[in-house]
Amino acid sequence: MPRYTSPVLSYVIKRVLQLIPVMIGISIITFSMIYLIPGDPVRLLMGQHQDVEIAAAIRHELGLDKPVYVQYARYMGRIITGDLGKSYRNKREVSDLLKGKFEATLILTGAAMLLAIIAGVTAGMISAAKPNSFGDYFFMVIAVVGISLPVFWLGLMLQIGANNVNSALAGGDVRSIIPISGYFDNRLSWWENLKFLVLPAVTLATVPMAIIARMVRSSMLEVMNLEYIRTARAKGLLPRVVVMKHALKNALIPIITVIGNNFAILLTGAVLTETVFSWPGMGRLMVDAIFQRDFPVVMGSVIVMSVVFVFVNLIVDIFYAWIDPRIRYE
């Protein structure tokens, strides 16, 4: 009796297999770019105390005295076994370093995307329900401004504003109202720790929120003019029922695509926000590793980010069938 494989499972397996050449290409490009960066990691490790023999010993220990292609082959051999190597700076396993940093980035990105989805979808629905109205123009102007603002500038402006508010209301006790930087403190309650998320989450959510709002408006305007929407209105359904149950559901495909892509981008690229707010995520870790020429950390970060990006896009593709049963996987 033949055994049949689920179309979804077959699609997932195919996408996972396609990930292999993508990851090989990314690793080759990243490895090549790392060795084009000026600077010697051994000299940085030794600092001011330079000794030729010690430097040669360290270079041999790290395998940096081998040709580049040999170093790459050795690194990929470790990657296959799940070993991301050890950091040059502190001798810790890269996987251990990335674990805590990825958790911090995931918390920040999740909070930012939740805020972006709630605000963006709401603004887009209001604009689409009453096009060319004051609310429509207001939200779309805000969306254009949100897309145009540089993230680092917005973060600094929010810090200055929060610092002024804290000084005025709390007598200079910065942490009592809204912390302008830092991460969670185990000594504080969960509610007090949530304050650390406010400014970085708002900063990180601004651009995707604006993009989602514009996409929701555009998609829903196309749907609102279709015949089944006019039929629903003719039946006497309430406007909010028409918008929420009929229009929004059938406009979700491009919206889900934008949400998924922006989540993956934020998860792998929140470098500026993490730097401005001293958030100990993967972005800051990778920037510090680049300046310190800590190649294993850089390579491990890029590979993890690449896997996350592809995985999020795979989840989005699978989610399409739940939204629209007419979609089939091939």
Protein backbone atom coordinates (compact mmCIF):
# COMPACT_ATOMS: atom_id res chain seq x y z
CA MET A 1 0.00 0.00 0.00
CA PRO A 2 1.59 3.31 -1.07
CA ARG A 3 2.43 5.81 1.63
CA TYR A 4 1.37 9.36 0.92
CA THR A 5 3.12 12.42 2.29
CA SER A 6 1.22 15.50 3.38
CA PRO A 7 1.58 18.38 0.87
CA VAL A 8 2.55 20.70 3.72
CA LEU A 9 5.21 18.27 4.97
CA SER A 10 6.58 17.81 1.45
CA TYR A 11 6.75 21.58 1.04
CA VAL A 12 8.55 22.01 4.38
CA ILE A 13 11.09 19.30 3.52
CA LYS A 14 11.73 20.91 0.13
CA ARG A 15 12.24 24.33 1.70
CA VAL A 16 14.59 22.89 4.34
CA LEU A 17 16.66 21.22 1.62
CA GLN A 18 16.78 24.51 -0.27
CA LEU A 19 18.23 26.04 2.87
CA ILE A 20 21.46 24.04 2.49
CA PRO A 21 22.87 25.79 -0.63
CA VAL A 22 21.63 29.15 0.71
CA MET A 23 23.52 28.68 3.97
CA ILE A 24 26.65 27.53 2.14
CA GLY A 25 26.54 30.65 -0.02
CA ILE A 26 26.00 32.90 3.00
CA SER A 27 28.86 31.26 4.88
CA ILE A 28 31.25 31.67 1.94
CA ILE A 29 30.36 35.35 1.47
CA THR A 30 30.57 36.11 5.20
CA PHE A 31 33.83 34.21 5.67
CA SER A 32 35.39 36.03 2.71
CA MET A 33 34.22 39.45 3.89
CA ILE A 34 35.56 38.84 7.40
CA TYR A 35 39.06 38.21 6.07
CA LEU A 36 38.90 41.32 3.91
CA ILE A 37 38.36 43.47 7.00
CA PRO A 38 41.61 45.23 7.97
CA GLY A 39 43.02 44.25 11.34
CA ASP A 40 44.59 41.24 12.99
CA PRO A 41 42.62 39.49 15.76
CA VAL A 42 45.85 38.23 17.33
CA ARG A 43 47.24 41.75 17.67
CA LEU A 44 43.98 42.87 19.26
CA LEU A 45 44.10 39.94 21.69
CA MET A 46 47.66 40.72 22.76
CA GLY A 47 47.07 44.45 23.16
CA GLN A 48 50.20 46.54 23.73
CA HIS A 49 52.36 43.58 24.72
CA GLN A 50 53.47 42.32 21.32
CA ASP A 51 55.73 39.28 21.12
CA VAL A 52 56.43 37.54 17.81
CA GLU A 53 56.71 34.02 19.28
CA ILE A 54 53.61 34.35 21.44
CA ALA A 55 51.68 35.81 18.50
CA ALA A 56 52.74 32.87 16.31
CA ALA A 57 51.69 30.41 19.02
CA ILE A 58 48.27 32.05 19.38
CA ARG A 59 47.83 32.13 15.60
CA HIS A 60 48.64 28.42 15.40
CA GLU A 61 46.28 27.61 18.28
CA LEU A 62 43.42 29.45 16.58
CA GLY A 63 44.24 27.94 13.18
CA LEU A 64 44.85 31.38 11.66
CA ASP A 65 48.20 30.28 10.21
CA LYS A 66 46.41 28.03 7.71
CA PRO A 67 45.21 29.11 4.24
CA VAL A 68 41.77 30.69 4.15
CA TYR A 69 40.18 27.74 2.33
CA VAL A 70 41.51 25.33 4.97
CA GLN A 71 40.12 27.52 7.76
CA TYR A 72 36.75 27.62 5.99
CA ALA A 73 36.67 23.84 5.51
CA ARG A 74 37.49 23.27 9.18
CA TYR A 75 34.82 25.74 10.27
CA MET A 76 32.13 24.15 8.10
CA GLY A 77 33.13 20.74 9.41
CA ARG A 78 32.41 21.97 12.94
CA ILE A 79 29.15 23.62 11.84
CA ILE A 80 27.83 20.31 10.53
CA THR A 81 28.24 18.84 14.01
CA GLY A 82 26.54 21.84 15.60
CA ASP A 83 29.75 23.38 16.93
CA LEU A 84 29.90 27.15 16.32
CA GLY A 85 33.37 27.39 17.79
CA LYS A 86 34.75 29.47 20.65
CA SER A 87 35.09 33.21 20.99
CA TYR A 88 38.62 34.54 20.53
CA ARG A 89 38.08 37.11 23.27
CA ASN A 90 36.69 35.18 26.22
CA LYS A 91 37.10 31.53 25.13
CA ARG A 92 33.39 30.85 25.67
CA GLU A 93 31.35 28.69 23.33
CA VAL A 94 29.68 30.84 20.68
CA SER A 95 26.43 28.91 21.09
CA ASP A 96 26.34 29.87 24.79
CA LEU A 97 26.96 33.52 23.95
CA LEU A 98 24.24 33.57 21.31
CA LYS A 99 21.66 31.84 23.50
CA GLY A 100 21.25 34.71 25.96
CA LYS A 101 21.64 37.39 23.30
CA PHE A 102 19.04 35.81 21.03
CA GLU A 103 16.57 35.66 23.91
CA ALA A 104 17.03 39.39 24.55
CA THR A 105 16.59 40.21 20.86
CA LEU A 106 13.52 37.98 20.62
CA ILE A 107 11.88 39.74 23.59
CA LEU A 108 12.53 43.18 22.11
CA THR A 109 11.46 42.19 18.59
CA GLY A 110 8.32 40.43 19.83
CA ALA A 111 7.23 43.46 21.84
CA ALA A 112 7.96 45.80 18.92
CA MET A 113 6.06 43.67 16.40
CA LEU A 114 3.08 43.28 18.72
CA LEU A 115 2.91 47.05 19.04
CA ALA A 116 3.40 47.51 15.29
CA ILE A 117 0.66 45.02 14.40
CA ILE A 118 -1.91 46.45 16.82
CA ALA A 119 -1.29 50.08 15.88
CA GLY A 120 -0.62 49.47 12.17
CA VAL A 121 -3.64 47.24 11.51
CA THR A 122 -5.93 49.57 13.47
CA ALA A 123 -4.72 52.67 11.60
CA GLY A 124 -4.95 50.91 8.24
CA MET A 125 -8.49 49.68 8.89
CA ILE A 126 -9.69 53.13 9.94
CA SER A 127 -8.13 54.66 6.84
CA ALA A 128 -9.64 52.03 4.53
CA ALA A 129 -13.09 52.21 6.13
CA LYS A 130 -13.31 55.96 5.46
CA PRO A 131 -10.92 56.84 2.61
CA ASN A 132 -10.05 60.48 1.97
CA SER A 133 -11.35 61.45 5.40
CA PHE A 134 -9.48 63.40 8.06
CA GLY A 135 -8.59 60.15 9.86
CA ASP A 136 -7.28 58.65 6.62
CA TYR A 137 -5.02 61.63 5.89
CA PHE A 138 -3.89 61.83 9.52
CA PHE A 139 -2.82 58.18 9.80
CA MET A 140 -1.16 58.11 6.38
CA VAL A 141 0.86 61.26 7.17
CA ILE A 142 1.95 59.63 10.44
CA ALA A 143 2.89 56.50 8.47
CA VAL A 144 5.03 58.48 6.02
CA VAL A 145 6.76 60.26 8.89
CA GLY A 146 7.33 56.93 10.66
CA ILE A 147 8.98 55.40 7.61
CA SER A 148 11.15 58.48 7.07
CA LEU A 149 12.54 58.89 10.60
CA PRO A 150 16.02 57.42 11.18
CA VAL A 151 15.83 54.83 13.95
CA PHE A 152 18.89 56.06 15.84
CA TRP A 153 17.63 59.67 15.80
CA LEU A 154 14.18 58.66 17.03
CA GLY A 155 15.75 56.60 19.80
CA LEU A 156 17.90 59.50 20.96
CA MET A 157 14.94 61.90 20.88
CA LEU A 158 12.84 59.50 22.94
CA GLN A 159 15.67 59.18 25.44
CA ILE A 160 15.96 62.94 25.79
CA GLY A 161 12.20 63.33 26.22
CA ALA A 162 11.98 60.47 28.74
CA ASN A 163 14.92 61.86 30.68
CA ASN A 164 13.18 65.24 30.96
CA VAL A 165 9.95 63.60 32.10
CA ASN A 166 11.79 61.46 34.64
CA SER A 167 13.63 64.47 36.04
CA ALA A 168 10.44 66.50 36.32
CA LEU A 169 8.23 63.80 37.87
CA ALA A 170 10.68 61.69 39.84
CA GLY A 171 13.25 64.18 41.05
CA GLY A 172 15.98 62.75 38.88
CA ASP A 173 15.26 59.06 39.67
CA VAL A 174 15.50 57.86 36.07
CA ARG A 175 14.38 54.28 36.67
CA SER A 176 11.24 55.14 38.61
CA ILE A 177 9.28 56.28 35.55
CA ILE A 178 10.73 55.17 32.19
CA PRO A 179 14.29 53.79 31.98
CA ILE A 180 16.17 55.33 29.07
CA SER A 181 18.52 52.35 28.68
CA GLY A 182 19.45 49.00 30.19
CA TYR A 183 17.98 45.53 30.47
CA PHE A 184 15.82 43.54 32.89
CA ASP A 185 16.84 43.33 36.54
CA ASN A 186 16.00 40.15 38.47
CA ARG A 187 15.62 42.19 41.64
CA LEU A 188 12.65 44.08 40.15
CA SER A 189 9.09 42.89 39.60
CA TRP A 190 7.90 41.90 36.13
CA TRP A 191 5.89 45.11 35.88
CA GLU A 192 8.93 47.25 36.70
CA ASN A 193 11.01 45.28 34.20
CA LEU A 194 8.47 45.98 31.46
CA LYS A 195 9.44 49.64 31.69
CA PHE A 196 12.79 48.78 30.11
CA LEU A 197 10.94 47.66 26.98
CA VAL A 198 8.95 50.86 26.42
CA LEU A 199 11.43 53.10 24.61
CA PRO A 200 13.32 50.48 22.55
CA ALA A 201 10.08 48.73 21.55
CA VAL A 202 8.45 51.98 20.42
CA THR A 203 11.60 52.94 18.50
CA LEU A 204 11.88 49.56 16.80
CA ALA A 205 8.15 49.39 16.04
CA THR A 206 7.92 52.74 14.23
CA VAL A 207 8.99 51.66 10.75
CA PRO A 208 7.09 48.32 10.58
CA MET A 209 4.03 49.99 12.10
CA ALA A 210 4.01 52.54 9.28
CA ILE A 211 4.57 49.88 6.61
CA ILE A 212 1.81 47.65 8.01
CA ALA A 213 -0.64 50.58 8.18
CA ARG A 214 -0.06 51.47 4.54
CA MET A 215 -0.30 47.85 3.41
CA VAL A 216 -3.53 47.25 5.37
CA ARG A 217 -5.09 50.36 3.85
CA SER A 218 -4.02 49.43 0.31
CA SER A 219 -5.14 45.79 0.56
CA MET A 220 -8.47 46.59 2.17
CA LEU A 221 -9.31 49.31 -0.35
CA GLU A 222 -8.96 46.72 -3.12
CA VAL A 223 -11.23 44.31 -1.25
CA MET A 224 -13.82 46.90 -0.21
CA ASN A 225 -14.81 47.50 -3.84
CA LEU A 226 -15.51 43.84 -4.60
CA GLU A 227 -19.02 42.55 -5.13
CA TYR A 228 -19.27 40.32 -2.05
CA ILE A 229 -18.54 43.33 0.16
CA ARG A 230 -21.38 45.25 -1.49
CA THR A 231 -23.60 42.21 -0.97
CA ALA A 232 -22.70 42.10 2.73
CA ARG A 233 -23.56 45.78 3.05
CA ALA A 234 -26.84 45.26 1.19
CA LYS A 235 -27.81 42.59 3.73
CA GLY A 236 -27.68 45.26 6.42
CA LEU A 237 -24.59 44.02 8.23
CA LEU A 238 -22.95 46.49 10.59
CA PRO A 239 -19.98 48.37 9.08
CA ARG A 240 -17.57 46.92 11.65
CA VAL A 241 -18.75 43.38 10.79
CA VAL A 242 -18.19 44.03 7.09
CA VAL A 243 -14.72 45.42 7.73
CA MET A 244 -13.55 42.90 10.35
CA LYS A 245 -15.16 39.66 9.20
CA HIS A 246 -15.25 40.01 5.43
CA ALA A 247 -12.82 42.68 4.21
CA LEU A 248 -9.88 42.17 6.59
CA LYS A 249 -9.85 38.38 6.36
CA ASN A 250 -9.69 38.42 2.56
CA ALA A 251 -6.99 41.11 2.53
CA LEU A 252 -4.67 39.25 4.92
CA ILE A 253 -2.33 37.55 2.43
CA PRO A 254 -0.18 40.62 1.58
CA ILE A 255 -0.53 41.87 5.16
CA ILE A 256 0.81 38.60 6.60
CA THR A 257 3.69 38.75 4.10
CA VAL A 258 4.66 42.24 5.26
CA ILE A 259 4.34 41.29 8.94
CA GLY A 260 6.45 38.16 8.51
CA ASN A 261 9.17 39.90 6.51
CA ASN A 262 9.36 42.81 8.94
CA PHE A 263 9.53 40.47 11.93
CA ALA A 264 12.42 38.58 10.34
CA ILE A 265 14.18 41.84 9.46
CA LEU A 266 13.79 43.23 12.97
CA LEU A 267 14.88 39.96 14.55
CA THR A 268 18.07 39.93 12.50
CA GLY A 269 18.77 43.65 12.26
CA ALA A 270 17.91 45.52 15.47
CA VAL A 271 21.52 46.70 15.75
CA LEU A 272 20.92 50.44 16.01
CA THR A 273 18.11 50.18 18.53
CA GLU A 274 20.06 47.75 20.72
CA THR A 275 23.11 50.02 20.58
CA VAL A 276 21.23 53.22 21.43
CA PHE A 277 19.39 51.65 24.38
CA SER A 278 22.24 49.39 25.59
CA TRP A 279 20.04 46.35 24.97
CA PRO A 280 22.21 43.21 25.20
CA GLY A 281 20.93 41.50 22.04
CA MET A 282 22.51 39.80 19.05
CA GLY A 283 22.89 43.07 17.16
CA ARG A 284 25.19 44.58 19.78
CA LEU A 285 27.04 41.30 20.15
CA MET A 286 27.81 41.13 16.43
CA VAL A 287 28.87 44.79 16.21
CA ASP A 288 31.24 44.34 19.16
CA ALA A 289 32.58 41.13 17.61
CA ILE A 290 33.28 42.89 14.30
CA PHE A 291 35.27 45.64 16.02
CA GLN A 292 37.18 43.06 18.07
CA ARG A 293 37.76 40.81 15.01
CA ASP A 294 36.14 37.96 16.92
CA PHE A 295 35.47 35.92 13.78
CA PRO A 296 33.73 32.87 15.33
CA VAL A 297 31.15 35.11 17.01
CA VAL A 298 30.54 37.03 13.78
CA MET A 299 30.14 33.83 11.75
CA GLY A 300 27.91 32.20 14.35
CA SER A 301 25.69 35.28 14.56
CA VAL A 302 25.29 35.51 10.78
CA ILE A 303 24.44 31.82 10.46
CA VAL A 304 21.88 31.94 13.27
CA MET A 305 20.29 35.09 11.85
CA SER A 306 20.13 33.55 8.38
CA VAL A 307 18.42 30.42 9.68
CA VAL A 308 15.91 32.53 11.61
CA PHE A 309 15.15 34.67 8.55
CA VAL A 310 14.48 31.65 6.34
CA PHE A 311 12.49 29.90 9.08
CA VAL A 312 10.20 32.91 9.64
CA ASN A 313 9.51 33.16 5.92
CA LEU A 314 8.71 29.43 5.86
CA ILE A 315 6.19 29.90 8.68
CA VAL A 316 4.59 32.76 6.74
CA ASP A 317 4.25 30.59 3.63
CA ILE A 318 2.62 27.78 5.63
CA PHE A 319 0.30 30.31 7.29
CA TYR A 320 -1.12 31.25 3.88
CA ALA A 321 -3.06 27.98 3.61
CA TRP A 322 -4.75 28.60 6.96
CA ILE A 323 -5.90 32.02 5.77
CA ASP A 324 -6.90 30.94 2.27
CA PRO A 325 -7.74 27.22 1.85
CA ARG A 326 -7.54 27.64 -1.94
CA ILE A 327 -3.76 27.82 -1.70
CA ARG A 328 -2.03 24.52 -2.48
CA TYR A 329 1.61 23.61 -1.89
CA GLU A 330 3.66 22.33 -4.77
